[in-house]
N, C-alpha and C. Protein backbone atom coordinates (compact mmCIF):
# COMPACT_ATOMS: atom_id res chain seq x y z
N MET A 1 9.81 124.38 65.36
CA MET A 1 10.58 123.18 65.14
C MET A 1 11.65 123.08 66.22
N GLU A 2 11.78 121.83 66.70
CA GLU A 2 12.77 121.59 67.77
C GLU A 2 14.15 121.46 67.17
N ARG A 3 15.13 122.18 67.76
CA ARG A 3 16.54 122.15 67.28
C ARG A 3 17.23 120.91 67.82
N MET A 4 17.86 120.20 66.91
CA MET A 4 18.59 118.98 67.29
C MET A 4 19.93 119.37 67.90
N ALA A 5 20.38 118.54 68.84
CA ALA A 5 21.67 118.78 69.51
C ALA A 5 22.81 118.62 68.52
N SER A 6 23.76 119.55 68.58
CA SER A 6 24.91 119.52 67.64
C SER A 6 25.95 118.50 68.07
N ASP A 7 26.61 117.83 67.10
CA ASP A 7 27.69 116.86 67.39
C ASP A 7 29.05 117.52 67.46
N ASP A 8 29.13 118.85 67.23
CA ASP A 8 30.45 119.49 67.25
C ASP A 8 31.00 119.51 68.65
N PRO A 9 32.34 119.35 68.78
CA PRO A 9 32.95 119.34 70.12
C PRO A 9 32.86 120.72 70.72
N PRO A 10 32.71 120.78 72.01
CA PRO A 10 32.64 122.08 72.67
C PRO A 10 33.99 122.72 72.69
N GLY A 11 34.06 123.92 73.09
CA GLY A 11 35.33 124.59 73.29
C GLY A 11 35.63 125.60 72.23
N LEU A 12 36.98 125.88 72.16
CA LEU A 12 37.42 126.96 71.28
C LEU A 12 37.13 126.64 69.82
N GLY A 13 37.33 125.40 69.40
CA GLY A 13 37.07 125.06 68.00
C GLY A 13 35.64 125.29 67.61
N ARG A 14 34.73 124.96 68.55
CA ARG A 14 33.29 125.14 68.25
C ARG A 14 32.96 126.61 68.09
N ARG A 15 33.60 127.40 68.98
CA ARG A 15 33.30 128.83 68.91
C ARG A 15 33.86 129.42 67.63
N LEU A 16 35.05 128.90 67.25
CA LEU A 16 35.63 129.42 66.02
C LEU A 16 34.79 129.06 64.80
N ARG A 17 34.34 127.81 64.80
CA ARG A 17 33.49 127.43 63.67
C ARG A 17 32.19 128.23 63.66
N ALA A 18 31.70 128.45 64.88
CA ALA A 18 30.48 129.25 64.95
C ALA A 18 30.72 130.65 64.43
N ALA A 19 31.96 131.09 64.61
CA ALA A 19 32.29 132.43 64.12
C ALA A 19 32.66 132.43 62.67
N GLY A 20 32.63 131.27 62.03
CA GLY A 20 32.92 131.21 60.60
C GLY A 20 34.38 131.03 60.29
N ARG A 21 35.23 130.53 61.26
CA ARG A 21 36.67 130.36 61.03
C ARG A 21 37.07 128.91 61.31
N PRO A 22 36.58 127.98 60.54
CA PRO A 22 36.93 126.56 60.80
C PRO A 22 38.37 126.25 60.54
N SER A 23 39.08 126.97 59.63
CA SER A 23 40.49 126.65 59.32
C SER A 23 41.37 126.89 60.52
N ILE A 24 41.14 127.91 61.30
CA ILE A 24 41.95 128.18 62.50
C ILE A 24 41.77 127.08 63.52
N GLY A 25 40.58 126.55 63.64
CA GLY A 25 40.33 125.45 64.60
C GLY A 25 41.12 124.22 64.24
N PHE A 26 41.13 123.90 62.95
CA PHE A 26 41.93 122.73 62.53
C PHE A 26 43.42 122.95 62.77
N ALA A 27 43.92 124.15 62.58
CA ALA A 27 45.35 124.44 62.80
C ALA A 27 45.71 124.26 64.25
N ILE A 28 44.89 124.73 65.16
CA ILE A 28 45.18 124.59 66.60
C ILE A 28 45.17 123.12 67.00
N ALA A 29 44.21 122.36 66.46
CA ALA A 29 44.17 120.92 66.78
C ALA A 29 45.41 120.22 66.30
N ALA A 30 45.92 120.59 65.09
CA ALA A 30 47.14 119.96 64.56
C ALA A 30 48.34 120.30 65.42
N ILE A 31 48.43 121.56 65.89
CA ILE A 31 49.54 121.96 66.78
C ILE A 31 49.51 121.15 68.06
N GLY A 32 48.34 120.90 68.59
CA GLY A 32 48.23 120.09 69.80
C GLY A 32 48.76 118.69 69.61
N VAL A 33 48.46 118.09 68.46
CA VAL A 33 48.94 116.73 68.18
C VAL A 33 50.45 116.72 68.10
N ILE A 34 51.06 117.75 67.44
CA ILE A 34 52.52 117.82 67.30
C ILE A 34 53.18 117.94 68.67
N ILE A 35 52.62 118.79 69.53
CA ILE A 35 53.18 118.97 70.88
C ILE A 35 53.14 117.66 71.65
N ALA A 36 52.06 116.91 71.51
CA ALA A 36 51.93 115.63 72.21
C ALA A 36 52.99 114.65 71.74
N VAL A 37 53.23 114.60 70.42
CA VAL A 37 54.24 113.68 69.87
C VAL A 37 55.63 114.04 70.36
N VAL A 38 55.95 115.35 70.36
CA VAL A 38 57.27 115.80 70.83
C VAL A 38 57.46 115.48 72.29
N ALA A 39 56.44 115.66 73.09
CA ALA A 39 56.53 115.37 74.52
C ALA A 39 56.75 113.89 74.75
N LEU A 40 56.06 113.06 73.96
CA LEU A 40 56.23 111.61 74.10
C LEU A 40 57.64 111.19 73.74
N ALA A 41 58.17 111.78 72.63
CA ALA A 41 59.54 111.45 72.22
C ALA A 41 60.54 111.89 73.27
N ALA A 42 60.34 113.06 73.85
CA ALA A 42 61.25 113.54 74.89
C ALA A 42 61.20 112.67 76.11
N GLY A 43 60.04 112.17 76.46
CA GLY A 43 59.92 111.28 77.61
C GLY A 43 60.63 109.98 77.41
N VAL A 44 60.55 109.41 76.19
CA VAL A 44 61.22 108.14 75.91
C VAL A 44 62.73 108.31 75.96
N GLY A 45 63.27 109.42 75.42
CA GLY A 45 64.70 109.65 75.42
C GLY A 45 65.24 109.87 76.82
N ALA A 46 64.49 110.31 77.76
CA ALA A 46 64.97 110.60 79.11
C ALA A 46 65.04 109.37 79.99
N GLU A 47 64.55 108.25 79.51
CA GLU A 47 64.55 107.05 80.36
C GLU A 47 65.95 106.52 80.62
N ASP A 48 66.94 106.61 79.66
CA ASP A 48 68.29 106.04 79.81
C ASP A 48 69.26 106.93 79.05
N ASP A 49 70.08 107.65 79.80
CA ASP A 49 71.06 108.53 79.17
C ASP A 49 72.46 107.96 79.25
N SER A 50 72.60 106.67 79.54
CA SER A 50 73.92 106.05 79.62
C SER A 50 74.47 105.84 78.21
N PRO A 51 75.84 105.88 78.06
CA PRO A 51 76.45 105.69 76.72
C PRO A 51 76.12 104.32 76.17
N PRO A 52 76.10 104.20 74.87
CA PRO A 52 75.80 102.89 74.26
C PRO A 52 76.84 101.86 74.68
N GLY A 53 76.38 100.65 74.92
CA GLY A 53 77.28 99.55 75.27
C GLY A 53 77.55 99.45 76.75
N ARG A 54 77.12 100.40 77.58
CA ARG A 54 77.35 100.34 79.03
C ARG A 54 76.11 99.85 79.73
N SER A 55 76.28 98.90 80.61
CA SER A 55 75.14 98.36 81.34
C SER A 55 74.71 99.33 82.42
N ALA A 56 73.51 99.17 82.89
CA ALA A 56 72.98 100.07 83.90
C ALA A 56 73.70 99.89 85.23
N GLY A 57 74.25 98.73 85.54
CA GLY A 57 74.92 98.46 86.80
C GLY A 57 76.25 97.77 86.58
N PRO A 58 77.00 97.46 87.70
CA PRO A 58 78.30 96.78 87.56
C PRO A 58 78.15 95.38 86.97
N ALA A 59 79.20 94.98 86.24
CA ALA A 59 79.18 93.66 85.61
C ALA A 59 80.26 92.80 86.25
N GLU A 60 80.05 91.49 86.27
CA GLU A 60 81.04 90.56 86.80
C GLU A 60 81.42 89.58 85.69
N GLU A 61 82.74 89.35 85.58
CA GLU A 61 83.25 88.41 84.60
C GLU A 61 84.28 87.51 85.26
N CYS A 62 84.41 86.27 84.80
CA CYS A 62 85.40 85.33 85.29
C CYS A 62 86.23 84.82 84.10
N ARG A 63 87.51 84.62 84.35
CA ARG A 63 88.41 84.14 83.31
C ARG A 63 89.35 83.08 83.89
N THR A 64 89.68 82.10 83.08
CA THR A 64 90.66 81.07 83.42
C THR A 64 91.74 81.07 82.34
N LEU A 65 93.00 81.17 82.77
CA LEU A 65 94.11 81.23 81.82
C LEU A 65 95.18 80.21 82.19
N GLU A 66 95.83 79.68 81.19
CA GLU A 66 96.94 78.76 81.37
C GLU A 66 98.07 79.20 80.45
N ARG A 67 99.22 79.48 81.03
CA ARG A 67 100.34 80.01 80.26
C ARG A 67 101.65 79.37 80.73
N THR A 68 102.67 79.49 79.89
CA THR A 68 104.02 79.09 80.25
C THR A 68 104.84 80.35 80.52
N PHE A 69 105.49 80.39 81.68
CA PHE A 69 106.21 81.57 82.11
C PHE A 69 107.69 81.25 82.32
N PRO A 70 108.57 82.20 82.02
CA PRO A 70 109.98 82.05 82.39
C PRO A 70 110.16 82.50 83.84
N VAL A 71 110.68 81.63 84.67
CA VAL A 71 110.92 81.94 86.08
C VAL A 71 112.42 82.14 86.25
N ARG A 72 112.82 83.33 86.60
CA ARG A 72 114.24 83.71 86.66
C ARG A 72 114.64 83.96 88.11
N ARG A 73 115.77 83.41 88.49
CA ARG A 73 116.32 83.62 89.83
C ARG A 73 117.81 83.96 89.72
N THR A 74 118.30 84.75 90.67
CA THR A 74 119.70 85.18 90.69
C THR A 74 120.34 84.76 92.00
N ALA A 75 121.56 84.30 91.92
CA ALA A 75 122.31 83.87 93.11
C ALA A 75 123.67 84.55 93.12
N ARG A 76 124.15 84.87 94.31
CA ARG A 76 125.47 85.46 94.48
C ARG A 76 126.26 84.61 95.46
N VAL A 77 127.44 84.22 95.08
CA VAL A 77 128.29 83.37 95.92
C VAL A 77 129.70 83.96 95.97
N THR A 78 130.46 83.54 96.97
CA THR A 78 131.87 83.91 97.10
C THR A 78 132.68 82.64 97.29
N VAL A 79 133.69 82.46 96.46
CA VAL A 79 134.49 81.24 96.47
C VAL A 79 135.94 81.58 96.81
N ASP A 80 136.51 80.81 97.73
CA ASP A 80 137.94 80.91 98.06
C ASP A 80 138.66 79.73 97.43
N TYR A 81 139.78 80.00 96.81
CA TYR A 81 140.58 78.93 96.20
C TYR A 81 142.05 79.16 96.56
N THR A 82 142.71 78.08 96.97
CA THR A 82 144.12 78.14 97.31
C THR A 82 144.91 77.26 96.35
N ALA A 83 145.87 77.87 95.70
CA ALA A 83 146.74 77.13 94.77
C ALA A 83 148.07 76.84 95.47
N ARG A 84 148.54 75.64 95.32
CA ARG A 84 149.82 75.22 95.92
C ARG A 84 150.70 74.60 94.84
N ARG A 85 152.00 74.92 94.93
CA ARG A 85 152.94 74.35 93.97
C ARG A 85 154.26 74.05 94.69
N PRO A 86 154.65 72.77 94.73
CA PRO A 86 155.95 72.44 95.35
C PRO A 86 157.11 72.80 94.43
N ILE A 87 158.16 73.35 95.01
CA ILE A 87 159.36 73.69 94.23
C ILE A 87 160.59 73.20 95.02
N SER A 88 161.69 73.04 94.31
CA SER A 88 162.94 72.59 94.97
C SER A 88 164.14 73.16 94.22
N ALA A 89 165.27 73.18 94.92
CA ALA A 89 166.53 73.65 94.33
C ALA A 89 167.67 72.84 94.92
N THR A 90 168.65 72.52 94.10
CA THR A 90 169.83 71.76 94.54
C THR A 90 171.10 72.51 94.15
N ALA A 91 172.05 72.53 95.09
CA ALA A 91 173.31 73.23 94.83
C ALA A 91 174.48 72.37 95.33
N GLN A 92 175.64 72.61 94.78
CA GLN A 92 176.85 71.84 95.14
C GLN A 92 177.92 72.81 95.63
N GLY A 93 178.54 72.45 96.77
CA GLY A 93 179.60 73.28 97.34
C GLY A 93 180.90 72.50 97.48
N THR A 94 182.02 73.18 97.34
CA THR A 94 183.34 72.55 97.44
C THR A 94 184.20 73.34 98.43
N ALA A 95 184.93 72.61 99.28
CA ALA A 95 185.82 73.25 100.25
C ALA A 95 187.15 72.48 100.30
N THR A 96 188.23 73.22 100.48
CA THR A 96 189.57 72.62 100.54
C THR A 96 190.25 73.05 101.84
N GLU A 97 190.86 72.08 102.54
CA GLU A 97 191.55 72.33 103.79
C GLU A 97 192.90 71.59 103.80
N GLU A 98 193.92 72.20 104.46
CA GLU A 98 195.22 71.53 104.60
C GLU A 98 195.15 70.50 105.72
N LEU A 99 195.86 69.41 105.50
CA LEU A 99 195.89 68.37 106.52
C LEU A 99 196.65 68.87 107.74
N ALA A 100 196.31 68.32 108.87
CA ALA A 100 196.90 68.77 110.13
C ALA A 100 198.40 68.49 110.19
N ASP A 101 198.88 67.42 109.55
CA ASP A 101 200.31 67.08 109.60
C ASP A 101 201.11 67.78 108.51
N GLY A 102 200.45 68.62 107.72
CA GLY A 102 201.12 69.36 106.69
C GLY A 102 201.51 68.57 105.47
N SER A 103 201.00 67.40 105.38
CA SER A 103 201.39 66.55 104.26
C SER A 103 200.59 66.83 102.98
N GLY A 104 199.72 67.68 103.05
CA GLY A 104 198.91 67.93 101.87
C GLY A 104 197.60 68.64 102.22
N GLU A 105 196.68 68.51 101.35
CA GLU A 105 195.36 69.14 101.56
C GLU A 105 194.25 68.18 101.10
N ILE A 106 193.08 68.50 101.55
CA ILE A 106 191.92 67.67 101.22
C ILE A 106 190.81 68.56 100.69
N THR A 107 190.18 68.07 99.68
CA THR A 107 189.05 68.80 99.07
C THR A 107 187.78 67.97 99.24
N VAL A 108 186.74 68.61 99.68
CA VAL A 108 185.46 67.92 99.92
C VAL A 108 184.36 68.64 99.12
N THR A 109 183.55 67.86 98.48
CA THR A 109 182.40 68.40 97.74
C THR A 109 181.11 67.92 98.44
N ALA A 110 180.20 68.82 98.63
CA ALA A 110 178.93 68.49 99.29
C ALA A 110 177.76 69.04 98.45
N THR A 111 176.69 68.34 98.56
CA THR A 111 175.47 68.75 97.85
C THR A 111 174.35 69.01 98.87
N ALA A 112 173.60 70.04 98.62
CA ALA A 112 172.48 70.37 99.50
C ALA A 112 171.23 70.67 98.66
N SER A 113 170.08 70.32 99.20
CA SER A 113 168.80 70.58 98.51
C SER A 113 167.86 71.33 99.45
N ARG A 114 167.05 72.14 98.88
CA ARG A 114 166.03 72.84 99.64
C ARG A 114 164.69 72.72 98.88
N ARG A 115 163.66 72.53 99.66
CA ARG A 115 162.32 72.37 99.08
C ARG A 115 161.36 73.33 99.77
N ALA A 116 160.32 73.71 99.02
CA ALA A 116 159.29 74.60 99.58
C ALA A 116 158.00 74.45 98.76
N THR A 117 156.95 75.01 99.28
CA THR A 117 155.66 75.01 98.58
C THR A 117 155.18 76.45 98.48
N ILE A 118 154.92 76.86 97.26
CA ILE A 118 154.37 78.20 97.05
C ILE A 118 152.85 78.12 97.22
N THR A 119 152.30 79.02 98.00
CA THR A 119 150.86 79.04 98.25
C THR A 119 150.31 80.42 97.92
N ALA A 120 149.22 80.43 97.21
CA ALA A 120 148.54 81.69 96.88
C ALA A 120 147.03 81.46 96.95
N GLN A 121 146.35 82.44 97.49
CA GLN A 121 144.90 82.33 97.66
C GLN A 121 144.19 83.45 96.92
N ALA A 122 143.02 83.14 96.39
CA ALA A 122 142.19 84.13 95.71
C ALA A 122 140.75 83.98 96.17
N THR A 123 140.09 85.10 96.38
CA THR A 123 138.68 85.12 96.78
C THR A 123 137.89 85.86 95.70
N VAL A 124 136.92 85.18 95.15
CA VAL A 124 136.17 85.76 94.01
C VAL A 124 134.67 85.70 94.30
N PRO A 125 133.99 86.85 94.28
CA PRO A 125 132.52 86.86 94.32
C PRO A 125 131.98 86.77 92.90
N GLU A 126 130.85 86.12 92.75
CA GLU A 126 130.26 85.95 91.42
C GLU A 126 128.75 85.93 91.54
N THR A 127 128.10 86.52 90.55
CA THR A 127 126.64 86.54 90.48
C THR A 127 126.20 85.91 89.16
N ALA A 128 125.19 85.07 89.23
CA ALA A 128 124.68 84.42 88.02
C ALA A 128 123.17 84.29 88.11
N SER A 129 122.54 84.23 86.96
CA SER A 129 121.09 84.07 86.88
C SER A 129 120.76 82.83 86.06
N ALA A 130 119.63 82.23 86.40
CA ALA A 130 119.16 81.06 85.66
C ALA A 130 117.66 81.18 85.46
N THR A 131 117.19 80.68 84.33
CA THR A 131 115.77 80.75 83.99
C THR A 131 115.24 79.36 83.73
N VAL A 132 114.11 79.06 84.35
CA VAL A 132 113.42 77.79 84.14
C VAL A 132 111.99 78.10 83.71
N ARG A 133 111.53 77.49 82.67
CA ARG A 133 110.17 77.73 82.18
C ARG A 133 109.21 76.72 82.81
N ALA A 134 108.05 77.23 83.21
CA ALA A 134 107.05 76.37 83.84
C ALA A 134 105.66 76.84 83.44
N ARG A 135 104.73 75.93 83.47
CA ARG A 135 103.35 76.23 83.09
C ARG A 135 102.53 76.45 84.35
N GLY A 136 101.69 77.48 84.31
CA GLY A 136 100.82 77.79 85.44
C GLY A 136 99.40 78.04 84.98
N ARG A 137 98.46 77.82 85.90
CA ARG A 137 97.05 77.99 85.57
C ARG A 137 96.39 78.81 86.67
N GLY A 138 95.56 79.77 86.27
CA GLY A 138 94.90 80.62 87.26
C GLY A 138 93.50 81.01 86.83
N ARG A 139 92.66 81.24 87.81
CA ARG A 139 91.28 81.67 87.55
C ARG A 139 90.97 82.83 88.48
N ALA A 140 90.23 83.82 87.95
CA ALA A 140 89.87 84.98 88.74
C ALA A 140 88.57 85.56 88.23
N CYS A 141 87.81 86.17 89.14
CA CYS A 141 86.58 86.89 88.82
C CYS A 141 86.75 88.34 89.25
N ALA A 142 86.12 89.25 88.52
CA ALA A 142 86.25 90.67 88.84
C ALA A 142 85.01 91.42 88.42
N PHE A 143 84.78 92.56 89.09
CA PHE A 143 83.68 93.44 88.75
C PHE A 143 84.21 94.62 87.97
N GLY A 144 83.32 95.21 87.14
CA GLY A 144 83.68 96.40 86.38
C GLY A 144 82.43 97.16 86.02
N ARG A 145 82.65 98.40 85.57
CA ARG A 145 81.50 99.20 85.16
C ARG A 145 80.85 98.68 83.89
N THR A 146 81.66 97.97 83.09
CA THR A 146 81.14 97.38 81.86
C THR A 146 81.64 95.93 81.79
N PRO A 147 81.02 95.08 81.01
CA PRO A 147 81.53 93.71 80.85
C PRO A 147 82.96 93.67 80.34
N ALA A 148 83.30 94.60 79.44
CA ALA A 148 84.68 94.61 78.92
C ALA A 148 85.67 94.93 80.01
N GLU A 149 85.35 95.91 80.86
CA GLU A 149 86.26 96.27 81.95
C GLU A 149 86.37 95.12 82.95
N ALA A 150 85.27 94.49 83.27
CA ALA A 150 85.30 93.36 84.18
C ALA A 150 86.12 92.21 83.60
N ALA A 151 86.00 91.98 82.31
CA ALA A 151 86.76 90.90 81.66
C ALA A 151 88.25 91.19 81.70
N ASP A 152 88.63 92.45 81.47
CA ASP A 152 90.06 92.81 81.53
C ASP A 152 90.61 92.59 82.93
N ARG A 153 89.87 93.00 83.94
CA ARG A 153 90.34 92.81 85.31
C ARG A 153 90.44 91.33 85.67
N ALA A 154 89.47 90.55 85.25
CA ALA A 154 89.50 89.12 85.54
C ALA A 154 90.66 88.46 84.82
N ARG A 155 90.93 88.87 83.59
CA ARG A 155 92.04 88.30 82.82
C ARG A 155 93.38 88.63 83.50
N ALA A 156 93.52 89.86 83.98
CA ALA A 156 94.76 90.24 84.66
C ALA A 156 94.94 89.45 85.95
N GLY A 157 93.85 89.27 86.69
CA GLY A 157 93.94 88.48 87.92
C GLY A 157 94.29 87.02 87.66
N ALA A 158 93.69 86.45 86.63
CA ALA A 158 93.99 85.06 86.29
C ALA A 158 95.43 84.90 85.83
N LEU A 159 95.92 85.88 85.07
CA LEU A 159 97.31 85.82 84.60
C LEU A 159 98.28 85.91 85.78
N ASP A 160 97.99 86.76 86.74
CA ASP A 160 98.86 86.89 87.92
C ASP A 160 98.87 85.60 88.73
N ARG A 161 97.73 84.99 88.90
CA ARG A 161 97.68 83.73 89.65
C ARG A 161 98.39 82.61 88.91
N ALA A 162 98.27 82.58 87.60
CA ALA A 162 98.99 81.56 86.82
C ALA A 162 100.50 81.75 86.95
N ARG A 163 100.95 83.01 86.93
CA ARG A 163 102.38 83.28 87.06
C ARG A 163 102.89 82.85 88.44
N ARG A 164 102.12 83.15 89.49
CA ARG A 164 102.54 82.75 90.85
C ARG A 164 102.59 81.24 90.98
N MET A 165 101.68 80.56 90.34
CA MET A 165 101.68 79.10 90.37
C MET A 165 102.95 78.55 89.70
N ALA A 166 103.31 79.13 88.56
CA ALA A 166 104.52 78.69 87.87
C ALA A 166 105.76 78.95 88.72
N GLU A 167 105.80 80.09 89.40
CA GLU A 167 106.94 80.41 90.25
C GLU A 167 107.05 79.45 91.42
N ARG A 168 105.92 79.09 92.01
CA ARG A 168 105.96 78.14 93.13
C ARG A 168 106.50 76.79 92.68
N ARG A 169 106.23 76.43 91.46
CA ARG A 169 106.65 75.11 90.98
C ARG A 169 108.15 75.02 90.74
N VAL A 170 108.76 76.08 90.21
CA VAL A 170 110.15 75.94 89.78
C VAL A 170 111.08 76.99 90.35
N ALA A 171 110.63 77.81 91.31
CA ALA A 171 111.51 78.85 91.86
C ALA A 171 112.74 78.24 92.52
N ALA A 172 112.54 77.18 93.30
CA ALA A 172 113.68 76.56 93.98
C ALA A 172 114.66 75.96 92.97
N ARG A 173 114.14 75.38 91.91
CA ARG A 173 115.01 74.80 90.89
C ARG A 173 115.83 75.87 90.19
N ALA A 174 115.17 77.00 89.88
CA ALA A 174 115.89 78.09 89.22
C ALA A 174 116.96 78.66 90.14
N ALA A 175 116.65 78.79 91.45
CA ALA A 175 117.64 79.32 92.39
C ALA A 175 118.83 78.38 92.52
N THR A 176 118.57 77.07 92.58
CA THR A 176 119.66 76.10 92.67
C THR A 176 120.54 76.14 91.43
N ARG A 177 119.91 76.24 90.28
CA ARG A 177 120.68 76.31 89.04
C ARG A 177 121.52 77.57 88.98
N ALA A 178 120.96 78.70 89.43
CA ALA A 178 121.72 79.95 89.44
C ALA A 178 122.90 79.87 90.40
N LYS A 179 122.70 79.27 91.56
CA LYS A 179 123.80 79.13 92.52
C LYS A 179 124.89 78.22 91.98
N ARG A 180 124.50 77.13 91.35
CA ARG A 180 125.48 76.21 90.78
C ARG A 180 126.30 76.90 89.69
N LEU A 181 125.63 77.68 88.86
CA LEU A 181 126.33 78.39 87.79
C LEU A 181 127.28 79.44 88.36
N ALA A 182 126.81 80.20 89.35
CA ALA A 182 127.66 81.21 89.96
C ALA A 182 128.87 80.58 90.64
N THR A 183 128.66 79.44 91.30
CA THR A 183 129.78 78.77 91.98
C THR A 183 130.81 78.28 90.98
N ALA A 184 130.36 77.72 89.88
CA ALA A 184 131.30 77.23 88.87
C ALA A 184 132.12 78.38 88.28
N ARG A 185 131.47 79.49 88.00
CA ARG A 185 132.19 80.64 87.46
C ARG A 185 133.18 81.20 88.47
N ALA A 186 132.73 81.33 89.72
CA ALA A 186 133.61 81.89 90.75
C ALA A 186 134.80 80.97 91.01
N ARG A 187 134.57 79.66 91.02
CA ARG A 187 135.67 78.74 91.26
C ARG A 187 136.70 78.81 90.13
N ALA A 188 136.22 78.87 88.90
CA ALA A 188 137.15 78.95 87.77
C ALA A 188 137.96 80.25 87.82
N ALA A 189 137.30 81.36 88.14
CA ALA A 189 138.01 82.63 88.22
C ALA A 189 139.01 82.64 89.37
N ALA A 190 138.61 82.09 90.52
CA ALA A 190 139.52 82.05 91.67
C ALA A 190 140.72 81.15 91.38
N ARG A 191 140.49 80.04 90.68
CA ARG A 191 141.60 79.16 90.33
C ARG A 191 142.60 79.87 89.42
N ARG A 192 142.10 80.59 88.43
CA ARG A 192 142.98 81.32 87.53
C ARG A 192 143.80 82.37 88.27
N ARG A 193 143.17 83.10 89.15
CA ARG A 193 143.88 84.15 89.87
C ARG A 193 144.93 83.57 90.82
N ALA A 194 144.55 82.52 91.54
CA ALA A 194 145.50 81.93 92.48
C ALA A 194 146.70 81.35 91.75
N ARG A 195 146.47 80.67 90.64
CA ARG A 195 147.59 80.10 89.88
C ARG A 195 148.46 81.19 89.26
N ALA A 196 147.83 82.27 88.84
CA ALA A 196 148.62 83.38 88.31
C ALA A 196 149.52 83.96 89.39
N ARG A 197 149.03 84.04 90.61
CA ARG A 197 149.86 84.54 91.71
C ARG A 197 151.00 83.58 92.03
N VAL A 198 150.74 82.29 91.93
CA VAL A 198 151.81 81.31 92.12
C VAL A 198 152.87 81.47 91.05
N ASP A 199 152.41 81.63 89.80
CA ASP A 199 153.37 81.81 88.71
C ASP A 199 154.24 83.04 88.94
N GLY A 200 153.62 84.11 89.41
CA GLY A 200 154.38 85.33 89.64
C GLY A 200 155.39 85.20 90.76
N ALA A 201 155.08 84.38 91.76
CA ALA A 201 155.97 84.24 92.91
C ALA A 201 157.01 83.14 92.72
N GLU A 202 156.82 82.26 91.73
CA GLU A 202 157.70 81.09 91.61
C GLU A 202 159.15 81.46 91.31
N ALA A 203 159.37 82.32 90.36
CA ALA A 203 160.75 82.63 89.96
C ALA A 203 161.56 83.18 91.13
N GLU A 204 160.99 84.12 91.86
CA GLU A 204 161.71 84.70 93.00
C GLU A 204 161.92 83.67 94.10
N ARG A 205 160.91 82.86 94.32
CA ARG A 205 161.04 81.85 95.38
C ARG A 205 162.09 80.80 95.02
N VAL A 206 162.19 80.43 93.76
CA VAL A 206 163.21 79.46 93.33
C VAL A 206 164.61 80.05 93.54
N ARG A 207 164.80 81.31 93.22
CA ARG A 207 166.11 81.94 93.44
C ARG A 207 166.46 81.92 94.92
N GLU A 208 165.49 82.15 95.77
CA GLU A 208 165.76 82.11 97.20
C GLU A 208 166.18 80.70 97.64
N LEU A 209 165.48 79.69 97.08
CA LEU A 209 165.83 78.31 97.43
C LEU A 209 167.23 77.96 96.93
N GLU A 210 167.56 78.39 95.73
CA GLU A 210 168.89 78.09 95.18
C GLU A 210 169.98 78.73 96.03
N ALA A 211 169.77 79.92 96.47
CA ALA A 211 170.77 80.58 97.33
C ALA A 211 170.90 79.86 98.65
N ALA A 212 169.77 79.46 99.22
CA ALA A 212 169.83 78.75 100.49
C ALA A 212 170.51 77.40 100.32
N ALA A 213 170.23 76.70 99.23
CA ALA A 213 170.88 75.41 98.99
C ALA A 213 172.39 75.58 98.79
N GLN A 214 172.78 76.63 98.12
CA GLN A 214 174.21 76.87 97.90
C GLN A 214 174.92 77.15 99.22
N ARG A 215 174.34 77.95 100.06
CA ARG A 215 174.94 78.23 101.36
C ARG A 215 175.07 76.95 102.17
N ALA A 216 174.03 76.12 102.12
CA ALA A 216 174.08 74.87 102.87
C ALA A 216 175.15 73.93 102.32
N ALA A 217 175.26 73.87 101.00
CA ALA A 217 176.29 73.01 100.40
C ALA A 217 177.68 73.49 100.74
N ASP A 218 177.94 74.78 100.67
CA ASP A 218 179.25 75.32 101.00
C ASP A 218 179.57 75.06 102.48
N ARG A 219 178.61 75.27 103.32
CA ARG A 219 178.83 75.04 104.75
C ARG A 219 179.12 73.57 105.03
N SER A 220 178.35 72.68 104.42
CA SER A 220 178.56 71.25 104.63
C SER A 220 179.93 70.81 104.13
N ALA A 221 180.33 71.31 102.95
CA ALA A 221 181.64 70.93 102.41
C ALA A 221 182.77 71.45 103.30
N GLY A 222 182.66 72.67 103.78
CA GLY A 222 183.70 73.22 104.67
C GLY A 222 183.79 72.45 105.95
N ASP A 223 182.65 72.12 106.54
CA ASP A 223 182.68 71.37 107.80
C ASP A 223 183.32 70.00 107.59
N GLU A 224 182.97 69.36 106.52
CA GLU A 224 183.52 68.03 106.27
C GLU A 224 185.02 68.09 105.95
N ALA A 225 185.42 69.10 105.20
CA ALA A 225 186.83 69.23 104.88
C ALA A 225 187.65 69.50 106.14
N ARG A 226 187.21 70.35 107.02
CA ARG A 226 187.93 70.60 108.24
C ARG A 226 187.99 69.36 109.13
N ARG A 227 186.87 68.61 109.16
CA ARG A 227 186.88 67.40 109.98
C ARG A 227 187.92 66.40 109.46
N ARG A 228 187.97 66.21 108.18
CA ARG A 228 188.92 65.24 107.60
C ARG A 228 190.38 65.74 107.73
N ALA A 229 190.54 67.03 107.57
CA ALA A 229 191.90 67.56 107.70
C ALA A 229 192.41 67.41 109.12
N ALA A 230 191.56 67.57 110.07
CA ALA A 230 191.95 67.44 111.48
C ALA A 230 192.34 65.99 111.79
N GLN A 231 191.71 65.05 111.13
CA GLN A 231 192.01 63.66 111.37
C GLN A 231 193.32 63.24 110.69
N GLY A 232 193.81 64.05 109.83
CA GLY A 232 195.05 63.74 109.16
C GLY A 232 194.86 62.80 108.01
């Protein structure tokens, strides 16, 4: 009788079955399947080891922002102020002289006035700041390792451009306002100081004028009395 060809697979499993150990052949085949599955899983996991949420390459984001910014400027000025105050003093002098013919005497009274202006100067430096609010708009694009990082960079760039736009619009106005405020403060302070110096000098200066007026009045009265006495 002719032997029919066997359908069993060749190899180790066939030899094992031929040897009467079919269970070992099935175990080896199952191990092979498990190894294949593990290898496939390991291959899939090795395709991308980047952290979750991170793109494979750099990302680009663009942002447009519009904000209102306080624009602050500081100015420093120096103001000179001169205070002036007119003052005067009047005094009366009396002189008596005998007449040339000996018939008696003559008394003359004279009045003299003296005037002056007290001057005091003060120099005051002053610094002041002023703030003007203005709206600015800016747009910027940026690259990053992730979309979130790119968005943050773009947002920062847009904010900076918006701020610069606001400063360009009102920087001159803020500087003018700061200078005007500093000038007003410096002028007021200089005026107070100069007037205080005038007040301090007034009493002494008035006494000087009164003494000078008295000397002039006495001299004038004496001169006039001698003139009249000489005439008899």
